[in-house]
Amino acid sequence: MTENLSWNAAGEWQADGAWGSGGSARRTFETARWQARLDELCAAHHVPGASLAVLTGGRVHELAGGLLHRGTGVEATTDSVFQLGSIAKTYTATLVMRLADAGELDIDAPVVSVLPEFATADPEATARITTRQLLSHTSGLTCDFTHDSGRGDDCLARYVEASAGVALDCPPGTAVSYSSVGYNVLGRLVEVVTGLTWDEALRTRVLEPLGATRTMTLPEEALRFRAAMGHLGEPGRMPDPAPSWDLMPRSAGPYGRVLASAGDVVKLARMHLAGGVAEDGTRLLSTAAVEAMQHRETDVPDKWTVSSDGWGLGWTLYDWNGTAGYGHDGASIGQYAYLRIVPSAGVAVALLTNGGSARLLYAALMSELLAEFADVTMPQPFAPADAPVAVDWAPLEGVYRRAGVVMTVTAGENGAGHLLYEFVDGMADFSPPLSVDLLPVTGTVFAGTGAGPSFSEDYMPVVFARLSDGTACVYVGMRAAPKVS
C-alpha cells in the first residue's frame, strides 16, 4: 500500500503509518559511520567510486566516495551524476502513467491504436499487445533488438520503423520476459501522444515538476556536471576506465539512458512513496496510478537475476520475508545502479557505482541499510544447494529458443547438468557459444557456472518454468525461451 505522506509540525516529512512516528526509520542516520562503511566496502570490492542517497525518517542523507575516473583522479561527490541503465524504465513508466492519469493514453488499449506502424513477426500478436503489457514485460517482445537510428529528434520513430517484424520470445500475456524493445515502443507512444520528443516530455512532465535538477537524458547535458566514467577489469583488482563513456544510441533513452545523482533518484522514489506528490506539493501522479504501478501484474519465475519476485507497471517488486518493496536495477558500460524502496518503512535507498564488483558492494551495503532502517532481511546470495538435490532431467532436457539464442540442455553426472548457450541469426557474431555447468538449487532452479560475469555474483541463474499455456521454457537473464524440441 502507498503511505500518505505529509510534513509534520517538526518539519519532518512523514507518513500517517508507524514509521513516521516511531518505527525503525526513526533511528538516527549516523553519517560518519555510513560514510566509513561505504568507503570500506568500495575498497574491498574494488569499486572506483560510488554515490549513496538514503531516505529515512523523512530526511534524505547523501554520501559519496572514491573517484569518478581513475585516469583523471576526479573525486565522486554527492552532486555527481551516474548512468542509471535500466532504472530509466521507471522514469518512462512514470511518464506513461502521468499521461494515463490525464486521459491522454489508455494503457489497456492495443498499442497499434495509437502507433499503427508498430509491428512484430506475428500480426495477430501485434494486434493484441497493450501498453500495460509493455510496462510489465508481459508483451512477449524480445529484449535485444539493437539499432542505431541516429541522433535526430526522429530517432525513436526510426527505431520503431526499423523494428517492424521484431521477434517474440513468447506469445503476449503468457509469461514475463524482460524487454528493452518494449520500453522503446513506450517512448515512441509518449512522443505521438504529447507531440514532444521523449527527452522533452520526460523533462517537462516529470523531471521539472519533481525538482530533479541533476537528472538528464542526453550526453551533452551531462557535461554541465561531474559525470562518472565506467570502469572495466577482471574481478579481484581495481578496474581501469572503460574505452567509451557510453555505447548506447540516443534511441536507447526510454529503456536505458537517464543520468542522475543519487539524491535525484531518491526524489523519484519519494514522490512514489508520497502517493504521487513531489516534495513541494506538486502532484505528478494520482494515488490510484501510484498503486497501480506497484500492483503485481505477474509473478517472476527467475527471482535471482534482478532479485525480483514479481513485476508491476515499471517497478520490480520484492518480497522480503513478507515485507513488500519495489525498485529497479540498472547497468551500462561499467556503471551499475540500484534502487530499493520499502513503503511500510518510508525508506528508499539509491546506490550508484562505476565499476568493480558492484553487485557485492550492493549486496552488503543494501542488506545492512534495509535491516537497520526498515527491518528487512534480504535473501542470501544465489548459490547451489548445500545438500544434494534429486533432479528429474527427463522433462528438462532439450532445445530452447528465443530471438537470437538457442540453448541445449543435457543431463550430467551427480545431479548436475549442462547448458550450451549459442547466439544465432542476427546475434550470431555477438559472442562465442557459452558452455555452462548447471548445479542444482532446487529441482527446477540451477546455478550456472563458467558463463563469465553475471548479475548474481558467482553464478548465473537458470530457471525452468512453464508459460501460462503450458509450454515448457527456461529463463536465463530474465528472458523466457520456450522449449522447441
Protein backbone atom coordinates (compact mmCIF):
# COMPACT_ATOMS: atom_id res chain seq x y z
CA MET A 1 0.00 0.00 0.00
CA THR A 2 1.09 3.57 -0.60
CA GLU A 3 1.64 5.64 2.53
CA ASN A 4 0.03 9.06 2.90
CA LEU A 5 2.99 11.39 3.40
CA SER A 6 2.99 14.94 4.70
CA TRP A 7 5.08 17.46 6.62
CA ASN A 8 4.59 17.31 10.39
CA ALA A 9 4.86 20.08 12.96
CA ALA A 10 8.54 19.36 13.47
CA GLY A 11 9.25 19.99 9.83
CA GLU A 12 9.75 16.32 9.05
CA TRP A 13 8.28 14.60 6.02
CA GLN A 14 6.36 11.61 7.43
CA ALA A 15 3.72 9.02 6.76
CA ASP A 16 0.47 8.54 8.67
CA GLY A 17 1.74 5.00 9.36
CA ALA A 18 4.06 3.81 12.14
CA TRP A 19 7.33 4.69 10.51
CA GLY A 20 6.60 8.40 10.65
CA SER A 21 6.05 8.43 14.40
CA GLY A 22 8.36 5.90 15.92
CA GLY A 23 9.14 2.98 13.59
CA SER A 24 12.55 1.67 12.66
CA ALA A 25 13.07 4.52 10.19
CA ARG A 26 13.25 6.93 13.15
CA ARG A 27 16.68 5.55 14.05
CA THR A 28 19.37 8.15 13.72
CA PHE A 29 21.32 8.06 10.49
CA GLU A 30 24.96 8.26 11.55
CA THR A 31 26.60 9.93 8.57
CA ALA A 32 30.21 9.32 9.61
CA ARG A 33 29.56 5.65 10.30
CA TRP A 34 27.86 5.00 6.95
CA GLN A 35 30.47 7.02 5.07
CA ALA A 36 33.17 4.85 6.58
CA ARG A 37 31.22 1.72 5.67
CA LEU A 38 30.70 2.90 2.08
CA ASP A 39 34.42 3.63 1.73
CA GLU A 40 35.36 0.28 3.30
CA LEU A 41 33.10 -1.73 1.00
CA CYS A 42 34.19 0.17 -2.12
CA ALA A 43 37.81 -0.66 -1.32
CA ALA A 44 37.03 -4.31 -0.51
CA HIS A 45 35.14 -4.84 -3.77
CA HIS A 46 37.34 -2.68 -6.00
CA VAL A 47 34.63 -0.14 -6.84
CA PRO A 48 36.35 3.07 -8.01
CA GLY A 49 33.55 5.41 -6.94
CA ALA A 50 30.02 5.41 -5.57
CA SER A 51 27.22 7.72 -4.53
CA LEU A 52 24.56 6.83 -1.99
CA ALA A 53 21.28 8.50 -1.01
CA VAL A 54 19.08 7.22 1.82
CA LEU A 55 15.58 8.47 2.63
CA THR A 56 14.71 7.53 6.21
CA GLY A 57 12.70 9.26 8.88
CA GLY A 58 11.56 11.76 6.28
CA ARG A 59 15.05 13.07 5.57
CA VAL A 60 17.46 12.38 2.72
CA HIS A 61 21.09 11.63 3.55
CA GLU A 62 23.63 11.77 0.71
CA LEU A 63 27.13 10.28 0.70
CA ALA A 64 29.83 9.69 -1.91
CA GLY A 65 33.29 8.20 -2.03
CA GLY A 66 36.15 7.27 -4.33
CA LEU A 67 36.83 8.52 -7.84
CA LEU A 68 34.60 9.26 -10.80
CA HIS A 69 37.50 8.49 -13.15
CA ARG A 70 40.69 6.69 -12.14
CA GLY A 71 42.50 8.21 -15.09
CA THR A 72 41.84 11.84 -14.13
CA GLY A 73 41.56 11.45 -10.38
CA VAL A 74 38.30 13.43 -10.17
CA GLU A 75 36.57 12.60 -6.90
CA ALA A 76 33.00 11.41 -6.59
CA THR A 77 30.73 13.88 -4.78
CA THR A 78 27.06 13.83 -3.79
CA ASP A 79 26.21 16.06 -6.76
CA SER A 80 27.96 13.76 -9.28
CA VAL A 81 25.81 12.09 -11.93
CA PHE A 82 25.97 8.44 -12.94
CA GLN A 83 24.36 6.45 -15.73
CA LEU A 84 21.28 4.65 -14.39
CA GLY A 85 20.97 1.99 -17.10
CA SER A 86 17.60 0.25 -16.91
CA ILE A 87 16.39 2.34 -13.97
CA ALA A 88 15.45 4.63 -16.87
CA LYS A 89 12.48 2.30 -17.36
CA THR A 90 10.92 3.51 -14.11
CA TYR A 91 11.12 7.10 -15.38
CA THR A 92 9.46 6.13 -18.67
CA ALA A 93 6.78 4.19 -16.79
CA THR A 94 6.11 7.18 -14.53
CA LEU A 95 5.75 9.39 -17.59
CA VAL A 96 3.37 6.95 -19.28
CA MET A 97 1.22 6.74 -16.16
CA ARG A 98 1.11 10.52 -15.96
CA LEU A 99 -0.32 10.57 -19.48
CA ALA A 100 -2.81 7.88 -18.49
CA ASP A 101 -3.85 9.97 -15.48
CA ALA A 102 -4.53 12.89 -17.81
CA GLY A 103 -6.69 10.75 -20.05
CA GLU A 104 -4.23 11.08 -22.93
CA LEU A 105 -3.41 7.36 -23.09
CA ASP A 106 -5.37 4.18 -22.34
CA ILE A 107 -2.87 1.60 -21.11
CA ASP A 108 -5.28 -1.26 -21.85
CA ALA A 109 -5.83 -0.30 -25.49
CA PRO A 110 -3.78 -2.05 -28.19
CA VAL A 111 -0.54 -0.24 -28.95
CA VAL A 112 -1.43 -0.15 -32.65
CA SER A 113 -4.46 2.02 -31.88
CA VAL A 114 -2.01 4.85 -31.16
CA LEU A 115 1.03 3.61 -33.06
CA PRO A 116 -0.22 1.84 -36.22
CA GLU A 117 3.34 1.38 -37.53
CA PHE A 118 4.18 -0.91 -34.56
CA ALA A 119 4.62 -4.46 -35.86
CA THR A 120 6.04 -7.77 -34.65
CA ALA A 121 6.74 -11.01 -36.50
CA ASP A 122 3.22 -12.18 -35.58
CA PRO A 123 0.43 -9.90 -36.90
CA GLU A 124 -2.15 -11.46 -34.61
CA ALA A 125 0.04 -10.88 -31.57
CA THR A 126 0.78 -7.33 -32.72
CA ALA A 127 -2.93 -6.52 -32.68
CA ARG A 128 -3.25 -7.73 -29.05
CA ILE A 129 -0.23 -6.17 -27.35
CA THR A 130 -1.19 -3.38 -24.93
CA THR A 131 0.68 -0.61 -23.18
CA ARG A 132 0.07 -2.40 -19.88
CA GLN A 133 1.90 -5.45 -21.23
CA LEU A 134 4.83 -3.32 -22.39
CA LEU A 135 5.07 -1.75 -18.93
CA SER A 136 5.03 -5.14 -17.17
CA HIS A 137 7.28 -7.06 -19.61
CA THR A 138 4.42 -9.40 -20.49
CA SER A 139 4.11 -8.44 -24.17
CA GLY A 140 6.36 -11.31 -25.28
CA LEU A 141 8.59 -8.90 -27.20
CA THR A 142 12.22 -9.90 -27.35
CA CYS A 143 14.73 -7.75 -25.50
CA ASP A 144 17.77 -7.43 -27.66
CA PHE A 145 16.90 -5.69 -30.92
CA THR A 146 19.66 -3.07 -31.19
CA HIS A 147 19.59 -0.39 -33.84
CA ASP A 148 21.33 2.97 -34.01
CA SER A 149 18.73 5.24 -35.55
CA GLY A 150 20.84 8.36 -35.26
CA ARG A 151 20.98 11.43 -33.06
CA GLY A 152 18.00 13.27 -34.52
CA ASP A 153 14.71 14.01 -32.81
CA ASP A 154 13.18 11.30 -35.01
CA CYS A 155 15.39 8.56 -33.54
CA LEU A 156 12.54 6.72 -31.79
CA ALA A 157 10.26 6.93 -34.83
CA ARG A 158 13.06 5.46 -36.94
CA TYR A 159 13.75 2.78 -34.30
CA VAL A 160 10.13 1.61 -34.27
CA GLU A 161 10.14 1.60 -38.08
CA ALA A 162 13.34 -0.49 -38.13
CA SER A 163 11.98 -2.91 -35.53
CA ALA A 164 8.94 -3.85 -37.64
CA GLY A 165 8.79 -7.64 -37.63
CA VAL A 166 10.77 -7.99 -34.40
CA ALA A 167 10.55 -11.44 -32.86
CA LEU A 168 8.52 -12.56 -29.86
CA ASP A 169 10.12 -14.64 -27.14
CA CYS A 170 6.66 -15.97 -26.22
CA PRO A 171 3.01 -15.16 -27.02
CA PRO A 172 1.68 -11.94 -25.43
CA GLY A 173 0.34 -12.41 -21.92
CA THR A 174 1.75 -15.92 -21.40
CA ALA A 175 4.81 -15.02 -19.33
CA VAL A 176 7.08 -12.27 -18.13
CA SER A 177 10.10 -11.83 -20.42
CA TYR A 178 12.26 -8.76 -19.94
CA SER A 179 12.12 -6.44 -22.97
CA SER A 180 14.00 -3.23 -23.58
CA VAL A 181 12.37 -3.10 -27.02
CA GLY A 182 9.02 -2.70 -25.31
CA TYR A 183 10.22 0.39 -23.47
CA ASN A 184 11.44 1.99 -26.66
CA VAL A 185 7.97 1.46 -28.09
CA LEU A 186 6.59 3.15 -24.96
CA GLY A 187 8.94 6.07 -25.60
CA ARG A 188 7.56 6.45 -29.10
CA LEU A 189 3.99 6.24 -27.75
CA VAL A 190 4.83 9.17 -25.47
CA GLU A 191 6.04 11.18 -28.46
CA VAL A 192 2.91 10.54 -30.52
CA VAL A 193 0.60 11.42 -27.61
CA THR A 194 2.46 14.56 -26.48
CA GLY A 195 3.92 15.88 -29.73
CA LEU A 196 7.27 16.16 -27.91
CA THR A 197 10.41 14.08 -28.07
CA TRP A 198 10.67 11.55 -25.26
CA ASP A 199 13.51 13.60 -23.78
CA GLU A 200 11.40 16.79 -23.75
CA ALA A 201 8.31 15.03 -22.43
CA LEU A 202 10.27 13.44 -19.57
CA ARG A 203 11.89 16.75 -18.69
CA THR A 204 8.70 18.84 -18.74
CA ARG A 205 6.21 16.28 -17.44
CA VAL A 206 8.33 14.55 -14.77
CA LEU A 207 11.78 15.95 -14.04
CA GLU A 208 10.94 19.65 -13.73
CA PRO A 209 7.81 19.11 -11.57
CA LEU A 210 9.86 16.72 -9.45
CA GLY A 211 12.60 19.30 -8.93
CA ALA A 212 15.14 16.84 -10.30
CA THR A 213 17.70 19.40 -11.45
CA ARG A 214 20.52 16.83 -11.65
CA THR A 215 18.73 14.38 -13.91
CA MET A 216 19.12 14.36 -17.69
CA THR A 217 18.90 12.12 -20.76
CA LEU A 218 21.47 13.41 -23.25
CA PRO A 219 25.28 13.19 -23.04
CA GLU A 220 25.76 16.89 -23.80
CA GLU A 221 23.56 17.74 -20.81
CA ALA A 222 25.80 15.66 -18.55
CA LEU A 223 28.79 17.85 -19.42
CA ARG A 224 27.43 20.51 -17.05
CA PHE A 225 28.02 18.19 -14.11
CA ARG A 226 30.64 15.94 -12.54
CA ALA A 227 29.92 12.77 -14.51
CA ALA A 228 31.08 9.27 -13.62
CA MET A 229 33.15 7.19 -16.02
CA GLY A 230 32.55 3.45 -16.15
CA HIS A 231 35.42 1.10 -15.36
CA LEU A 232 36.10 -2.45 -16.56
CA GLY A 233 38.50 -5.16 -15.48
CA GLU A 234 38.98 -8.60 -14.01
CA PRO A 235 37.46 -9.38 -10.57
CA GLY A 236 39.81 -9.02 -7.65
CA ARG A 237 41.55 -5.81 -8.68
CA MET A 238 40.69 -2.18 -9.23
CA PRO A 239 39.35 -1.78 -12.81
CA ASP A 240 40.52 0.69 -15.44
CA PRO A 241 38.46 3.36 -17.22
CA ALA A 242 36.25 1.87 -19.95
CA PRO A 243 37.23 2.57 -23.58
CA SER A 244 34.00 4.51 -24.08
CA TRP A 245 31.82 6.58 -21.77
CA ASP A 246 28.57 5.46 -23.41
CA LEU A 247 27.88 2.94 -26.16
CA MET A 248 24.11 3.42 -26.40
CA PRO A 249 22.41 5.28 -29.27
CA ARG A 250 20.03 8.12 -28.47
CA SER A 251 17.05 5.85 -29.15
CA ALA A 252 18.00 3.77 -26.10
CA GLY A 253 16.83 6.58 -23.82
CA PRO A 254 13.43 5.20 -22.73
CA TYR A 255 14.91 1.89 -21.63
CA GLY A 256 18.46 2.73 -20.70
CA ARG A 257 19.69 6.29 -20.67
CA VAL A 258 18.82 8.53 -17.78
CA LEU A 259 21.67 10.11 -15.83
CA ALA A 260 21.20 11.39 -12.29
CA SER A 261 22.67 11.98 -8.89
CA ALA A 262 21.69 9.50 -6.18
CA GLY A 263 19.77 12.27 -4.42
CA ASP A 264 17.70 12.91 -7.53
CA VAL A 265 16.88 9.21 -7.87
CA VAL A 266 15.53 9.30 -4.34
CA LYS A 267 13.35 12.28 -5.32
CA LEU A 268 11.56 9.98 -7.76
CA ALA A 269 11.22 7.32 -5.05
CA ARG A 270 9.99 9.87 -2.53
CA MET A 271 7.24 11.04 -4.89
CA HIS A 272 6.01 7.46 -5.30
CA LEU A 273 6.13 6.93 -1.54
CA ALA A 274 4.05 10.09 -1.13
CA GLY A 275 1.25 8.77 -3.32
CA GLY A 276 2.30 10.81 -6.35
CA VAL A 277 3.12 14.15 -4.70
CA ALA A 278 6.51 15.84 -5.03
CA GLU A 279 8.24 17.42 -2.03
CA ASP A 280 6.98 20.90 -2.94
CA GLY A 281 3.38 19.68 -3.06
CA THR A 282 3.12 19.26 -6.83
CA ARG A 283 1.01 16.24 -7.73
CA LEU A 284 2.62 14.23 -10.53
CA LEU A 285 0.51 11.07 -10.28
CA SER A 286 -2.81 10.13 -8.80
CA THR A 287 -2.75 7.79 -5.81
CA ALA A 288 -4.52 5.23 -7.99
CA ALA A 289 -1.75 5.41 -10.61
CA VAL A 290 0.96 5.00 -7.98
CA GLU A 291 -0.80 1.97 -6.52
CA ALA A 292 -1.34 0.50 -10.00
CA MET A 293 2.39 0.72 -10.69
CA GLN A 294 3.08 -1.28 -7.51
CA HIS A 295 0.35 -3.86 -8.17
CA ARG A 296 1.71 -7.28 -9.09
CA GLU A 297 0.92 -7.77 -12.76
CA THR A 298 2.87 -11.00 -12.99
CA ASP A 299 4.96 -13.36 -10.92
CA VAL A 300 8.59 -13.86 -11.93
CA PRO A 301 9.94 -17.43 -12.02
CA ASP A 302 13.54 -16.15 -12.13
CA LYS A 303 13.73 -14.48 -8.72
CA TRP A 304 17.51 -14.03 -8.73
CA THR A 305 18.80 -12.29 -11.88
CA VAL A 306 17.41 -8.92 -10.77
CA SER A 307 16.20 -10.04 -7.32
CA SER A 308 12.57 -9.87 -8.44
CA ASP A 309 9.53 -11.68 -7.04
CA GLY A 310 7.09 -10.02 -9.40
CA TRP A 311 6.60 -7.12 -11.78
CA GLY A 312 4.29 -4.14 -11.67
CA LEU A 313 3.91 -1.33 -14.18
CA GLY A 314 7.55 -0.34 -14.45
CA TRP A 315 8.60 -1.47 -11.00
CA THR A 316 10.42 -4.64 -10.00
CA LEU A 317 8.55 -5.99 -6.95
CA TYR A 318 10.26 -7.62 -3.96
CA ASP A 319 9.01 -9.79 -1.10
CA TRP A 320 11.48 -9.76 1.77
CA ASN A 321 10.01 -12.45 4.04
CA GLY A 322 6.61 -10.78 3.97
CA THR A 323 7.79 -7.17 3.71
CA ALA A 324 6.89 -5.71 0.34
CA GLY A 325 9.23 -3.48 -1.61
CA TYR A 326 9.85 -2.20 -5.10
CA GLY A 327 12.68 -0.70 -7.14
CA HIS A 328 14.89 -1.49 -10.13
CA ASP A 329 18.46 -2.31 -11.16
CA GLY A 330 20.43 -0.77 -14.00
CA ALA A 331 23.71 -1.26 -15.83
CA SER A 332 25.60 0.49 -18.62
CA ILE A 333 29.23 0.20 -19.69
CA GLY A 334 30.97 -0.26 -16.33
CA GLN A 335 28.29 1.51 -14.30
CA TYR A 336 25.77 -0.21 -12.02
CA ALA A 337 22.80 1.33 -10.22
CA TYR A 338 20.38 0.03 -7.60
CA LEU A 339 17.15 1.47 -6.18
CA ARG A 340 15.21 -0.14 -3.32
CA ILE A 341 12.04 1.24 -1.71
CA VAL A 342 10.26 -0.08 1.40
CA PRO A 343 6.84 1.61 1.61
CA SER A 344 5.94 0.27 5.07
CA ALA A 345 9.03 1.99 6.50
CA GLY A 346 9.10 5.07 4.26
CA VAL A 347 12.64 4.12 3.25
CA ALA A 348 14.32 4.49 -0.13
CA VAL A 349 17.96 3.76 -0.98
CA ALA A 350 19.75 4.64 -4.24
CA LEU A 351 23.27 3.32 -4.81
CA LEU A 352 25.17 4.37 -7.94
CA THR A 353 28.57 2.90 -8.83
CA ASN A 354 31.11 3.00 -11.65
CA GLY A 355 32.75 -0.42 -11.82
CA GLY A 356 34.37 -3.27 -9.94
CA SER A 357 32.38 -5.92 -8.08
CA ALA A 358 29.49 -3.51 -7.63
CA ARG A 359 26.99 -6.32 -7.09
CA LEU A 360 28.90 -7.44 -3.99
CA LEU A 361 29.03 -3.88 -2.69
CA TYR A 362 25.27 -3.60 -3.25
CA ALA A 363 24.54 -6.93 -1.52
CA ALA A 364 26.47 -5.98 1.61
CA LEU A 365 25.56 -2.30 1.93
CA MET A 366 21.88 -2.59 0.95
CA SER A 367 21.40 -5.53 3.33
CA GLU A 368 22.81 -3.52 6.22
CA LEU A 369 20.86 -0.35 5.44
CA LEU A 370 17.50 -2.07 4.96
CA ALA A 371 18.00 -4.19 8.06
CA GLU A 372 18.68 -1.13 10.21
CA PHE A 373 16.14 1.32 8.82
CA ALA A 374 13.36 -0.92 7.51
CA ASP A 375 13.71 -4.20 9.48
CA VAL A 376 14.18 -6.02 6.17
CA THR A 377 16.18 -9.23 5.85
CA MET A 378 17.37 -9.59 2.28
CA PRO A 379 17.90 -13.02 0.68
CA GLN A 380 21.23 -14.78 0.85
CA PRO A 381 23.40 -14.70 -2.31
CA PHE A 382 22.30 -17.09 -5.04
CA ALA A 383 24.25 -20.36 -4.88
CA PRO A 384 23.84 -24.13 -5.35
CA ALA A 385 22.10 -26.08 -2.61
CA ASP A 386 24.30 -27.31 0.23
CA ALA A 387 22.69 -30.76 0.26
CA PRO A 388 22.24 -33.00 -2.80
CA VAL A 389 19.08 -32.31 -4.82
CA ALA A 390 17.23 -35.00 -6.76
CA VAL A 391 16.64 -33.77 -10.31
CA ASP A 392 14.40 -35.39 -12.91
CA TRP A 393 16.23 -34.35 -16.06
CA ALA A 394 13.83 -36.04 -18.50
CA PRO A 395 11.37 -33.11 -18.76
CA LEU A 396 14.19 -30.54 -18.70
CA GLU A 397 16.49 -31.89 -21.42
CA GLY A 398 16.02 -30.50 -24.91
CA VAL A 399 16.39 -27.40 -27.06
CA TYR A 400 15.03 -23.99 -26.05
CA ARG A 401 14.94 -20.97 -28.31
CA ARG A 402 14.25 -17.25 -28.16
CA ALA A 403 15.20 -14.49 -30.60
CA GLY A 404 18.91 -14.76 -31.37
CA VAL A 405 19.64 -17.52 -28.85
CA VAL A 406 19.46 -21.33 -28.85
CA MET A 407 20.02 -23.26 -25.61
CA THR A 408 20.59 -27.00 -25.46
CA VAL A 409 20.15 -28.70 -22.07
CA THR A 410 21.56 -32.14 -21.31
CA ALA A 411 21.81 -34.21 -18.14
CA GLY A 412 25.17 -34.64 -16.48
CA GLU A 413 26.54 -36.57 -13.54
CA ASN A 414 25.86 -36.34 -9.80
CA GLY A 415 22.61 -34.42 -10.32
CA ALA A 416 24.26 -31.68 -12.36
CA GLY A 417 23.55 -30.83 -15.98
CA HIS A 418 24.88 -28.82 -18.88
CA LEU A 419 23.67 -25.86 -20.91
CA LEU A 420 25.14 -24.90 -24.30
CA TYR A 421 24.18 -21.27 -24.94
CA GLU A 422 24.60 -20.26 -28.60
CA PHE A 423 23.99 -16.94 -30.35
CA VAL A 424 22.31 -17.34 -33.75
CA ASP A 425 20.71 -15.36 -36.57
CA GLY A 426 21.22 -11.62 -36.14
CA MET A 427 23.21 -12.15 -32.93
CA ALA A 428 25.50 -14.86 -34.37
CA ASP A 429 28.62 -12.67 -34.06
CA PHE A 430 27.77 -11.34 -30.61
CA SER A 431 29.81 -13.88 -28.67
CA PRO A 432 31.22 -17.42 -28.94
CA PRO A 433 28.99 -20.19 -27.50
CA LEU A 434 28.91 -20.44 -23.72
CA SER A 435 29.36 -23.79 -22.00
CA VAL A 436 27.55 -23.71 -18.67
CA ASP A 437 27.51 -26.34 -15.94
CA LEU A 438 24.17 -26.48 -14.09
CA LEU A 439 24.40 -27.07 -10.33
CA PRO A 440 21.04 -27.74 -8.63
CA VAL A 441 19.47 -25.20 -6.28
CA THR A 442 16.09 -26.95 -6.50
CA GLY A 443 14.70 -29.45 -8.97
CA THR A 444 13.98 -26.65 -11.47
CA VAL A 445 16.43 -23.91 -10.46
CA PHE A 446 20.13 -24.18 -11.25
CA ALA A 447 23.28 -22.18 -10.62
CA GLY A 448 25.17 -21.86 -13.88
CA THR A 449 28.97 -21.78 -13.80
CA GLY A 450 31.52 -20.96 -16.46
CA ALA A 451 29.40 -18.28 -18.14
CA GLY A 452 31.52 -15.32 -17.11
CA PRO A 453 30.28 -12.31 -15.12
CA SER A 454 26.60 -12.35 -14.21
CA PHE A 455 24.12 -10.28 -12.24
CA SER A 456 24.24 -12.72 -9.32
CA GLU A 457 27.83 -12.69 -8.10
CA ASP A 458 29.35 -16.10 -8.80
CA TYR A 459 26.51 -17.95 -10.52
CA MET A 460 24.11 -17.38 -13.41
CA PRO A 461 20.50 -18.32 -12.52
CA VAL A 462 18.95 -20.84 -14.94
CA VAL A 463 15.28 -21.40 -14.15
CA PHE A 464 12.91 -23.92 -15.76
CA ALA A 465 9.23 -22.98 -15.79
CA ARG A 466 6.11 -23.02 -17.97
CA LEU A 467 4.25 -20.38 -19.91
CA SER A 468 0.61 -19.89 -18.97
CA ASP A 469 -0.36 -22.03 -21.98
CA GLY A 470 1.64 -24.95 -20.54
CA THR A 471 4.67 -24.68 -22.83
CA ALA A 472 7.95 -25.54 -21.08
CA CYS A 473 10.53 -22.74 -21.04
CA VAL A 474 13.83 -21.77 -19.49
CA TYR A 475 14.80 -18.39 -18.08
CA VAL A 476 18.30 -17.02 -18.47
CA GLY A 477 18.84 -13.32 -17.85
CA MET A 478 15.11 -12.83 -17.11
CA ARG A 479 14.31 -13.75 -20.76
CA ALA A 480 11.93 -16.63 -21.42
CA ALA A 481 12.93 -19.19 -24.06
CA PRO A 482 10.24 -21.77 -24.93
CA LYS A 483 11.19 -25.40 -25.47
CA VAL A 484 11.16 -26.29 -29.18
CA SER A 485 12.34 -29.92 -29.11
